[in-house]
Amino acid sequence: MTPSKFEYAIKHTQVLYTPYRRIESFGETRFDFLLVSESMDAVGECRIRSGWVEAGRPQILKPMHMREIETEGFSAEAARLFDWMREQGISLNALIRYGFQFSRSEVHEEYLHEDIREVTERLVQEAQRSGDAMKAVIEGVDDAWEVSLLFFMLEMIQKSHEINIFDFKRRGLL
């Protein structure tokens, strides 16, 4: 995957429905996702990918050589997103300091011959009605959908960071 594809995928990924819950400070966190993208192969077709993605328990004490980001179940091409981010000067300090491990389930795909706007609106409404605190609806890029999914996880880390720091301090770990 070229640097321009990473940049394109990041710029065109939107989290349309964010889970209420955040990444747990002392346990694993699993989010269910629906990732919608316009099909690259057909006009007026979109693809819905569904599954779960998990952030492993944050670990604050790791030797320097162990502070890598693990991506289980993701392609090596998608996992290079983090190398690209480092090359762009994007700080991964919080990620590396906590040693997050990402994993994902098998992904189910469904093709719909509908406008992507109608599909995303319907999925967001269904997620709101469900009240599922761990549900996410993401609009991403079809040929870089795993990058879109990892981008969602990075966004959840940013939203969880202050809560995690507070929890670690409260327990005397920082």
N, C-alpha and C. Protein backbone atom coordinates (compact mmCIF):
# COMPACT_ATOMS: atom_id res chain seq x y z
N MET A 1 0.85 -1.18 0.00
CA MET A 1 0.00 0.00 0.00
C MET A 1 0.89 1.23 0.00
N THR A 2 0.59 2.14 -0.87
CA THR A 2 1.41 3.34 -1.02
C THR A 2 1.07 4.36 0.05
N PRO A 3 2.01 5.27 0.35
CA PRO A 3 1.71 6.33 1.32
C PRO A 3 0.47 7.14 0.94
N SER A 4 0.28 7.36 -0.35
CA SER A 4 -0.90 8.14 -0.76
C SER A 4 -2.20 7.40 -0.46
N LYS A 5 -2.16 6.05 -0.51
CA LYS A 5 -3.37 5.28 -0.16
C LYS A 5 -3.68 5.39 1.33
N PHE A 6 -2.64 5.36 2.18
CA PHE A 6 -2.86 5.55 3.61
C PHE A 6 -3.50 6.91 3.86
N GLU A 7 -2.90 7.92 3.25
CA GLU A 7 -3.40 9.28 3.45
C GLU A 7 -4.84 9.40 2.96
N TYR A 8 -5.12 8.83 1.81
CA TYR A 8 -6.47 8.88 1.26
C TYR A 8 -7.47 8.18 2.19
N ALA A 9 -7.08 7.00 2.66
CA ALA A 9 -7.97 6.23 3.54
C ALA A 9 -8.25 6.98 4.85
N ILE A 10 -7.23 7.59 5.41
CA ILE A 10 -7.41 8.33 6.66
C ILE A 10 -8.30 9.55 6.45
N LYS A 11 -8.07 10.27 5.38
CA LYS A 11 -8.86 11.47 5.11
C LYS A 11 -10.32 11.15 4.79
N HIS A 12 -10.58 9.95 4.29
CA HIS A 12 -11.93 9.61 3.86
C HIS A 12 -12.61 8.60 4.79
N THR A 13 -12.09 8.44 5.97
CA THR A 13 -12.73 7.58 6.97
C THR A 13 -13.48 8.46 7.94
N GLN A 14 -14.73 8.11 8.19
CA GLN A 14 -15.55 8.84 9.16
C GLN A 14 -16.20 7.85 10.11
N VAL A 15 -16.08 8.12 11.38
CA VAL A 15 -16.80 7.32 12.36
C VAL A 15 -18.16 8.00 12.51
N LEU A 16 -19.19 7.35 11.99
CA LEU A 16 -20.52 7.94 11.96
C LEU A 16 -21.29 7.71 13.25
N TYR A 17 -20.96 6.61 13.92
CA TYR A 17 -21.60 6.31 15.19
C TYR A 17 -20.52 5.75 16.11
N THR A 18 -20.22 6.51 17.15
CA THR A 18 -19.14 6.16 18.07
C THR A 18 -19.69 5.39 19.27
N PRO A 19 -19.01 4.33 19.67
CA PRO A 19 -19.46 3.61 20.87
C PRO A 19 -19.49 4.52 22.09
N TYR A 20 -20.44 4.28 22.98
CA TYR A 20 -20.52 5.05 24.23
C TYR A 20 -19.36 4.70 25.15
N ARG A 21 -19.00 3.42 25.16
CA ARG A 21 -17.94 2.96 26.04
C ARG A 21 -16.58 3.31 25.47
N ARG A 22 -15.60 3.35 26.32
CA ARG A 22 -14.23 3.64 25.92
C ARG A 22 -13.37 2.40 26.17
N ILE A 23 -12.11 2.49 25.79
CA ILE A 23 -11.19 1.38 25.99
C ILE A 23 -10.93 1.23 27.47
N GLU A 24 -11.13 0.03 27.97
CA GLU A 24 -10.95 -0.26 29.39
C GLU A 24 -9.49 -0.07 29.79
N SER A 25 -9.27 0.46 30.98
CA SER A 25 -7.91 0.67 31.46
C SER A 25 -7.27 -0.63 31.92
N PHE A 26 -8.07 -1.56 32.43
CA PHE A 26 -7.50 -2.75 33.05
C PHE A 26 -8.05 -4.04 32.46
N GLY A 27 -8.52 -3.99 31.24
CA GLY A 27 -9.04 -5.19 30.60
C GLY A 27 -9.10 -5.01 29.10
N GLU A 28 -9.50 -6.07 28.44
CA GLU A 28 -9.66 -6.00 26.99
C GLU A 28 -10.99 -5.35 26.66
N THR A 29 -11.04 -4.72 25.50
CA THR A 29 -12.25 -4.04 25.07
C THR A 29 -12.56 -4.48 23.65
N ARG A 30 -13.79 -4.93 23.45
CA ARG A 30 -14.21 -5.40 22.13
C ARG A 30 -15.34 -4.52 21.61
N PHE A 31 -15.13 -3.97 20.42
CA PHE A 31 -16.15 -3.16 19.76
C PHE A 31 -16.70 -3.92 18.55
N ASP A 32 -18.01 -3.90 18.39
CA ASP A 32 -18.64 -4.44 17.18
C ASP A 32 -18.67 -3.33 16.16
N PHE A 33 -18.36 -3.66 14.92
CA PHE A 33 -18.34 -2.61 13.90
C PHE A 33 -19.13 -3.00 12.67
N LEU A 34 -19.63 -1.96 12.03
CA LEU A 34 -20.19 -2.03 10.68
C LEU A 34 -19.40 -1.02 9.88
N LEU A 35 -18.65 -1.48 8.89
CA LEU A 35 -17.84 -0.60 8.08
C LEU A 35 -18.44 -0.58 6.68
N VAL A 36 -18.89 0.58 6.25
CA VAL A 36 -19.56 0.74 4.97
C VAL A 36 -18.62 1.44 4.00
N SER A 37 -18.56 0.92 2.78
CA SER A 37 -17.73 1.55 1.75
C SER A 37 -18.40 1.41 0.40
N GLU A 38 -18.10 2.37 -0.47
CA GLU A 38 -18.60 2.27 -1.84
C GLU A 38 -17.77 1.23 -2.57
N SER A 39 -18.44 0.37 -3.30
CA SER A 39 -17.75 -0.67 -4.04
C SER A 39 -16.87 -0.06 -5.11
N MET A 40 -15.68 -0.59 -5.26
CA MET A 40 -14.76 -0.12 -6.29
C MET A 40 -15.10 -0.75 -7.64
N ASP A 41 -15.92 -1.80 -7.60
CA ASP A 41 -16.19 -2.58 -8.81
C ASP A 41 -17.49 -2.23 -9.52
N ALA A 42 -18.41 -1.59 -8.82
CA ALA A 42 -19.73 -1.35 -9.42
C ALA A 42 -20.29 0.00 -8.95
N VAL A 43 -20.95 0.68 -9.86
CA VAL A 43 -21.58 1.96 -9.55
C VAL A 43 -22.89 1.70 -8.79
N GLY A 44 -23.15 2.50 -7.77
CA GLY A 44 -24.39 2.38 -7.01
C GLY A 44 -24.43 1.17 -6.10
N GLU A 45 -23.27 0.63 -5.78
CA GLU A 45 -23.19 -0.54 -4.89
C GLU A 45 -22.31 -0.19 -3.71
N CYS A 46 -22.70 -0.66 -2.56
CA CYS A 46 -21.84 -0.48 -1.39
C CYS A 46 -21.68 -1.81 -0.68
N ARG A 47 -20.66 -1.86 0.13
CA ARG A 47 -20.33 -3.08 0.85
C ARG A 47 -20.36 -2.78 2.34
N ILE A 48 -20.98 -3.67 3.09
CA ILE A 48 -20.98 -3.57 4.54
C ILE A 48 -20.13 -4.72 5.08
N ARG A 49 -19.12 -4.36 5.84
CA ARG A 49 -18.30 -5.37 6.52
C ARG A 49 -18.66 -5.29 7.99
N SER A 50 -18.85 -6.45 8.59
CA SER A 50 -19.19 -6.46 10.01
C SER A 50 -18.32 -7.48 10.74
N GLY A 51 -18.10 -7.19 12.01
CA GLY A 51 -17.30 -8.06 12.85
C GLY A 51 -17.01 -7.35 14.15
N TRP A 52 -15.93 -7.75 14.79
CA TRP A 52 -15.51 -7.06 16.00
C TRP A 52 -14.03 -6.76 15.91
N VAL A 53 -13.63 -5.78 16.66
CA VAL A 53 -12.22 -5.42 16.78
C VAL A 53 -11.95 -5.23 18.27
N GLU A 54 -10.80 -5.67 18.69
CA GLU A 54 -10.49 -5.68 20.12
C GLU A 54 -9.18 -4.96 20.39
N ALA A 55 -9.18 -4.19 21.45
CA ALA A 55 -7.96 -3.57 21.96
C ALA A 55 -7.59 -4.34 23.21
N GLY A 56 -6.39 -4.88 23.22
CA GLY A 56 -5.94 -5.62 24.39
C GLY A 56 -5.76 -4.70 25.58
N ARG A 57 -5.59 -5.28 26.73
CA ARG A 57 -5.42 -4.52 27.97
C ARG A 57 -4.19 -3.63 27.87
N PRO A 58 -4.35 -2.33 28.14
CA PRO A 58 -3.18 -1.44 28.12
C PRO A 58 -2.13 -1.91 29.12
N GLN A 59 -0.89 -1.87 28.70
CA GLN A 59 0.23 -2.26 29.55
C GLN A 59 1.21 -1.10 29.58
N ILE A 60 1.41 -0.57 30.77
CA ILE A 60 2.23 0.64 30.84
C ILE A 60 3.71 0.36 31.05
N LEU A 61 4.07 -0.83 31.48
CA LEU A 61 5.48 -1.11 31.74
C LEU A 61 5.98 -2.18 30.78
N LYS A 62 6.61 -1.73 29.70
CA LYS A 62 7.20 -2.64 28.73
C LYS A 62 8.61 -2.15 28.44
N PRO A 63 9.55 -3.07 28.28
CA PRO A 63 10.89 -2.66 27.87
C PRO A 63 10.82 -1.94 26.52
N MET A 64 11.77 -1.06 26.25
CA MET A 64 11.75 -0.26 25.02
C MET A 64 11.62 -1.12 23.77
N HIS A 65 12.34 -2.23 23.69
CA HIS A 65 12.29 -3.04 22.47
C HIS A 65 10.97 -3.78 22.31
N MET A 66 10.14 -3.79 23.33
CA MET A 66 8.84 -4.46 23.26
C MET A 66 7.71 -3.49 22.94
N ARG A 67 8.02 -2.21 22.82
CA ARG A 67 6.97 -1.21 22.62
C ARG A 67 6.54 -1.12 21.17
N GLU A 68 6.19 -2.21 20.61
CA GLU A 68 5.70 -2.23 19.23
C GLU A 68 4.18 -2.41 19.26
N ILE A 69 3.57 -2.13 18.16
CA ILE A 69 2.14 -2.25 18.04
C ILE A 69 1.84 -3.56 17.34
N GLU A 70 1.08 -4.41 17.98
CA GLU A 70 0.74 -5.70 17.41
C GLU A 70 -0.63 -5.60 16.75
N THR A 71 -0.77 -6.24 15.58
CA THR A 71 -2.02 -6.19 14.83
C THR A 71 -2.37 -7.61 14.39
N GLU A 72 -3.08 -8.31 15.22
CA GLU A 72 -3.46 -9.69 14.94
C GLU A 72 -4.71 -9.73 14.06
N GLY A 73 -4.65 -10.48 12.98
CA GLY A 73 -5.79 -10.63 12.10
C GLY A 73 -5.83 -9.60 10.98
N PHE A 74 -4.99 -8.57 11.06
CA PHE A 74 -4.94 -7.55 10.01
C PHE A 74 -3.84 -7.93 9.02
N SER A 75 -4.00 -7.52 7.78
CA SER A 75 -2.97 -7.81 6.78
C SER A 75 -1.71 -7.00 7.11
N ALA A 76 -0.57 -7.51 6.65
CA ALA A 76 0.70 -6.80 6.86
C ALA A 76 0.66 -5.44 6.19
N GLU A 77 -0.04 -5.35 5.08
CA GLU A 77 -0.17 -4.09 4.36
C GLU A 77 -0.88 -3.04 5.22
N ALA A 78 -1.98 -3.43 5.86
CA ALA A 78 -2.72 -2.49 6.71
C ALA A 78 -1.90 -2.13 7.95
N ALA A 79 -1.17 -3.08 8.50
CA ALA A 79 -0.38 -2.83 9.70
C ALA A 79 0.73 -1.82 9.45
N ARG A 80 1.13 -1.65 8.19
CA ARG A 80 2.16 -0.65 7.87
C ARG A 80 1.65 0.77 8.05
N LEU A 81 0.38 0.93 8.34
CA LEU A 81 -0.18 2.26 8.63
C LEU A 81 0.65 2.94 9.71
N PHE A 82 1.05 2.20 10.75
CA PHE A 82 1.77 2.79 11.87
C PHE A 82 3.17 3.26 11.44
N ASP A 83 3.83 2.50 10.56
CA ASP A 83 5.12 2.96 10.03
C ASP A 83 4.93 4.25 9.24
N TRP A 84 3.88 4.29 8.41
CA TRP A 84 3.59 5.49 7.63
C TRP A 84 3.34 6.67 8.54
N MET A 85 2.60 6.46 9.63
CA MET A 85 2.31 7.55 10.57
C MET A 85 3.60 8.06 11.19
N ARG A 86 4.51 7.17 11.57
CA ARG A 86 5.80 7.60 12.13
C ARG A 86 6.57 8.44 11.10
N GLU A 87 6.57 7.98 9.83
CA GLU A 87 7.26 8.70 8.76
C GLU A 87 6.68 10.10 8.57
N GLN A 88 5.39 10.26 8.82
CA GLN A 88 4.73 11.56 8.68
C GLN A 88 4.93 12.44 9.90
N GLY A 89 5.59 11.90 10.93
CA GLY A 89 5.84 12.66 12.14
C GLY A 89 4.65 12.67 13.09
N ILE A 90 3.71 11.75 12.87
CA ILE A 90 2.54 11.65 13.75
C ILE A 90 2.95 10.88 14.99
N SER A 91 2.75 11.47 16.14
CA SER A 91 3.17 10.86 17.40
C SER A 91 2.32 9.65 17.75
N LEU A 92 3.01 8.57 18.09
CA LEU A 92 2.33 7.36 18.56
C LEU A 92 2.72 7.07 20.01
N ASN A 93 3.13 8.10 20.73
CA ASN A 93 3.61 7.89 22.09
C ASN A 93 2.60 7.18 22.97
N ALA A 94 1.35 7.61 22.95
CA ALA A 94 0.36 6.98 23.81
C ALA A 94 0.16 5.53 23.42
N LEU A 95 0.16 5.27 22.14
CA LEU A 95 -0.02 3.91 21.65
C LEU A 95 1.14 3.03 22.08
N ILE A 96 2.33 3.51 21.84
CA ILE A 96 3.52 2.72 22.13
C ILE A 96 3.71 2.57 23.63
N ARG A 97 3.47 3.63 24.37
CA ARG A 97 3.64 3.57 25.82
C ARG A 97 2.72 2.51 26.43
N TYR A 98 1.55 2.37 25.88
CA TYR A 98 0.61 1.38 26.42
C TYR A 98 0.74 0.03 25.76
N GLY A 99 1.44 -0.07 24.65
CA GLY A 99 1.64 -1.36 24.01
C GLY A 99 0.34 -2.01 23.59
N PHE A 100 -0.59 -1.25 23.01
CA PHE A 100 -1.87 -1.82 22.61
C PHE A 100 -1.67 -2.94 21.61
N GLN A 101 -2.48 -3.95 21.75
CA GLN A 101 -2.52 -5.03 20.77
C GLN A 101 -3.92 -5.02 20.17
N PHE A 102 -3.99 -4.97 18.86
CA PHE A 102 -5.27 -4.97 18.17
C PHE A 102 -5.51 -6.34 17.57
N SER A 103 -6.73 -6.80 17.62
CA SER A 103 -7.10 -8.01 16.89
C SER A 103 -8.51 -7.81 16.37
N ARG A 104 -8.85 -8.62 15.37
CA ARG A 104 -10.19 -8.51 14.82
C ARG A 104 -10.71 -9.89 14.50
N SER A 105 -12.03 -9.96 14.38
CA SER A 105 -12.69 -11.21 14.05
C SER A 105 -12.66 -11.44 12.55
N GLU A 106 -13.18 -12.58 12.15
CA GLU A 106 -13.47 -12.79 10.75
C GLU A 106 -14.50 -11.73 10.37
N VAL A 107 -14.44 -11.28 9.16
CA VAL A 107 -15.33 -10.21 8.72
C VAL A 107 -16.36 -10.78 7.75
N HIS A 108 -17.61 -10.41 7.99
CA HIS A 108 -18.69 -10.80 7.10
C HIS A 108 -18.97 -9.64 6.15
N GLU A 109 -19.21 -9.97 4.90
CA GLU A 109 -19.46 -8.93 3.91
C GLU A 109 -20.85 -9.10 3.31
N GLU A 110 -21.46 -7.95 3.05
CA GLU A 110 -22.77 -7.91 2.41
C GLU A 110 -22.74 -6.80 1.38
N TYR A 111 -23.22 -7.09 0.19
CA TYR A 111 -23.29 -6.09 -0.88
C TYR A 111 -24.73 -5.61 -1.02
N LEU A 112 -24.89 -4.30 -1.14
CA LEU A 112 -26.21 -3.71 -1.33
C LEU A 112 -26.18 -2.82 -2.57
N HIS A 113 -27.22 -2.89 -3.35
CA HIS A 113 -27.35 -2.00 -4.52
C HIS A 113 -28.18 -0.80 -4.11
N GLU A 114 -27.59 0.01 -3.22
CA GLU A 114 -28.24 1.20 -2.69
C GLU A 114 -27.20 2.31 -2.58
N ASP A 115 -27.67 3.53 -2.49
CA ASP A 115 -26.80 4.67 -2.28
C ASP A 115 -26.16 4.57 -0.89
N ILE A 116 -24.89 4.85 -0.81
CA ILE A 116 -24.17 4.72 0.46
C ILE A 116 -24.75 5.63 1.55
N ARG A 117 -25.23 6.81 1.18
CA ARG A 117 -25.82 7.74 2.17
C ARG A 117 -27.05 7.12 2.83
N GLU A 118 -27.90 6.50 2.03
CA GLU A 118 -29.10 5.86 2.58
C GLU A 118 -28.72 4.71 3.51
N VAL A 119 -27.74 3.94 3.11
CA VAL A 119 -27.31 2.80 3.91
C VAL A 119 -26.71 3.27 5.23
N THR A 120 -25.82 4.27 5.18
CA THR A 120 -25.19 4.73 6.43
C THR A 120 -26.21 5.37 7.37
N GLU A 121 -27.14 6.13 6.83
CA GLU A 121 -28.19 6.72 7.68
C GLU A 121 -29.00 5.63 8.37
N ARG A 122 -29.37 4.60 7.63
CA ARG A 122 -30.16 3.51 8.20
C ARG A 122 -29.36 2.77 9.29
N LEU A 123 -28.08 2.51 9.03
CA LEU A 123 -27.26 1.78 10.01
C LEU A 123 -27.05 2.60 11.28
N VAL A 124 -26.85 3.91 11.14
CA VAL A 124 -26.69 4.77 12.32
C VAL A 124 -27.98 4.77 13.13
N GLN A 125 -29.12 4.89 12.48
CA GLN A 125 -30.40 4.87 13.19
C GLN A 125 -30.61 3.54 13.92
N GLU A 126 -30.27 2.44 13.27
CA GLU A 126 -30.39 1.12 13.90
C GLU A 126 -29.46 1.02 15.11
N ALA A 127 -28.24 1.54 15.00
CA ALA A 127 -27.30 1.51 16.12
C ALA A 127 -27.82 2.35 17.28
N GLN A 128 -28.39 3.50 16.98
CA GLN A 128 -28.95 4.35 18.03
C GLN A 128 -30.10 3.65 18.75
N ARG A 129 -30.97 3.01 17.99
CA ARG A 129 -32.11 2.30 18.59
C ARG A 129 -31.67 1.11 19.43
N SER A 130 -30.59 0.46 19.02
CA SER A 130 -30.14 -0.74 19.74
C SER A 130 -29.63 -0.41 21.14
N GLY A 131 -29.07 0.80 21.31
CA GLY A 131 -28.51 1.17 22.60
C GLY A 131 -27.24 0.41 22.94
N ASP A 132 -26.64 -0.27 21.97
CA ASP A 132 -25.42 -1.06 22.18
C ASP A 132 -24.25 -0.11 22.41
N ALA A 133 -23.70 -0.12 23.62
CA ALA A 133 -22.63 0.80 24.00
C ALA A 133 -21.30 0.46 23.34
N MET A 134 -21.22 -0.67 22.65
CA MET A 134 -19.97 -1.10 22.03
C MET A 134 -20.05 -1.13 20.51
N LYS A 135 -21.08 -0.54 19.93
CA LYS A 135 -21.31 -0.57 18.48
C LYS A 135 -20.72 0.65 17.81
N ALA A 136 -20.10 0.43 16.63
CA ALA A 136 -19.56 1.52 15.82
C ALA A 136 -20.04 1.37 14.39
N VAL A 137 -20.33 2.50 13.77
CA VAL A 137 -20.64 2.53 12.34
C VAL A 137 -19.59 3.45 11.71
N ILE A 138 -18.88 2.90 10.73
CA ILE A 138 -17.76 3.59 10.12
C ILE A 138 -17.97 3.63 8.61
N GLU A 139 -17.70 4.78 8.02
CA GLU A 139 -17.66 4.85 6.56
C GLU A 139 -16.20 4.90 6.17
N GLY A 140 -15.79 3.97 5.32
CA GLY A 140 -14.38 3.89 4.97
C GLY A 140 -14.14 3.73 3.48
N VAL A 141 -12.93 3.38 3.16
CA VAL A 141 -12.49 3.21 1.78
C VAL A 141 -12.43 1.72 1.48
N ASP A 142 -13.05 1.31 0.38
CA ASP A 142 -13.22 -0.11 0.08
C ASP A 142 -11.91 -0.88 -0.01
N ASP A 143 -10.95 -0.38 -0.77
CA ASP A 143 -9.72 -1.14 -0.95
C ASP A 143 -8.71 -0.94 0.17
N ALA A 144 -9.05 -0.09 1.13
CA ALA A 144 -8.18 0.13 2.30
C ALA A 144 -9.03 0.06 3.57
N TRP A 145 -10.00 -0.84 3.59
CA TRP A 145 -10.96 -0.89 4.70
C TRP A 145 -10.29 -1.21 6.03
N GLU A 146 -9.22 -2.00 6.01
CA GLU A 146 -8.55 -2.32 7.27
C GLU A 146 -7.87 -1.08 7.85
N VAL A 147 -7.37 -0.21 7.00
CA VAL A 147 -6.80 1.05 7.46
C VAL A 147 -7.90 1.89 8.11
N SER A 148 -9.07 1.91 7.49
CA SER A 148 -10.21 2.63 8.07
C SER A 148 -10.57 2.07 9.44
N LEU A 149 -10.50 0.77 9.59
CA LEU A 149 -10.82 0.14 10.87
C LEU A 149 -9.76 0.47 11.92
N LEU A 150 -8.50 0.43 11.55
CA LEU A 150 -7.44 0.81 12.49
C LEU A 150 -7.53 2.29 12.85
N PHE A 151 -7.92 3.12 11.90
CA PHE A 151 -8.12 4.54 12.18
C PHE A 151 -9.21 4.72 13.24
N PHE A 152 -10.28 3.96 13.14
CA PHE A 152 -11.34 3.99 14.16
C PHE A 152 -10.75 3.65 15.53
N MET A 153 -9.91 2.63 15.60
CA MET A 153 -9.32 2.24 16.88
C MET A 153 -8.42 3.35 17.41
N LEU A 154 -7.68 4.00 16.54
CA LEU A 154 -6.84 5.12 16.99
C LEU A 154 -7.69 6.24 17.57
N GLU A 155 -8.82 6.49 16.94
CA GLU A 155 -9.74 7.51 17.46
C GLU A 155 -10.27 7.11 18.84
N MET A 156 -10.56 5.84 19.02
CA MET A 156 -11.05 5.38 20.33
C MET A 156 -9.95 5.49 21.39
N ILE A 157 -8.71 5.25 21.00
CA ILE A 157 -7.60 5.42 21.94
C ILE A 157 -7.50 6.87 22.38
N GLN A 158 -7.59 7.79 21.43
CA GLN A 158 -7.53 9.21 21.78
C GLN A 158 -8.66 9.60 22.73
N LYS A 159 -9.84 9.06 22.51
CA LYS A 159 -10.98 9.39 23.36
C LYS A 159 -10.87 8.73 24.74
N SER A 160 -10.12 7.64 24.82
CA SER A 160 -9.99 6.88 26.07
C SER A 160 -8.78 7.30 26.89
N HIS A 161 -7.83 7.95 26.27
CA HIS A 161 -6.54 8.23 26.88
C HIS A 161 -6.65 8.91 28.26
N GLU A 162 -7.40 9.98 28.35
CA GLU A 162 -7.49 10.71 29.62
C GLU A 162 -8.12 9.84 30.71
N ILE A 163 -9.12 9.07 30.36
CA ILE A 163 -9.76 8.18 31.32
C ILE A 163 -8.77 7.13 31.79
N ASN A 164 -8.00 6.56 30.85
CA ASN A 164 -7.01 5.56 31.22
C ASN A 164 -5.95 6.14 32.15
N ILE A 165 -5.44 7.32 31.84
CA ILE A 165 -4.43 7.97 32.68
C ILE A 165 -4.99 8.20 34.08
N PHE A 166 -6.23 8.70 34.17
CA PHE A 166 -6.88 8.93 35.46
C PHE A 166 -6.95 7.63 36.26
N ASP A 167 -7.37 6.54 35.59
CA ASP A 167 -7.48 5.24 36.27
C ASP A 167 -6.12 4.75 36.77
N PHE A 168 -5.08 4.89 35.93
CA PHE A 168 -3.74 4.46 36.35
C PHE A 168 -3.25 5.28 37.53
N LYS A 169 -3.46 6.59 37.51
CA LYS A 169 -3.05 7.44 38.61
C LYS A 169 -3.82 7.11 39.88
N ARG A 170 -5.12 6.87 39.72
CA ARG A 170 -5.96 6.56 40.89
C ARG A 170 -5.49 5.30 41.60
N ARG A 171 -4.94 4.36 40.83
CA ARG A 171 -4.44 3.12 41.41
C ARG A 171 -2.96 3.19 41.76
N GLY A 172 -2.37 4.37 41.61
CA GLY A 172 -0.97 4.55 41.98
C GLY A 172 0.00 3.93 41.00
N LEU A 173 -0.42 3.71 39.77
CA LEU A 173 0.44 3.09 38.78
C LEU A 173 1.25 4.11 37.98
N LEU A 174 0.86 5.37 38.05
CA LEU A 174 1.61 6.44 37.38
C LEU A 174 1.94 7.53 38.37
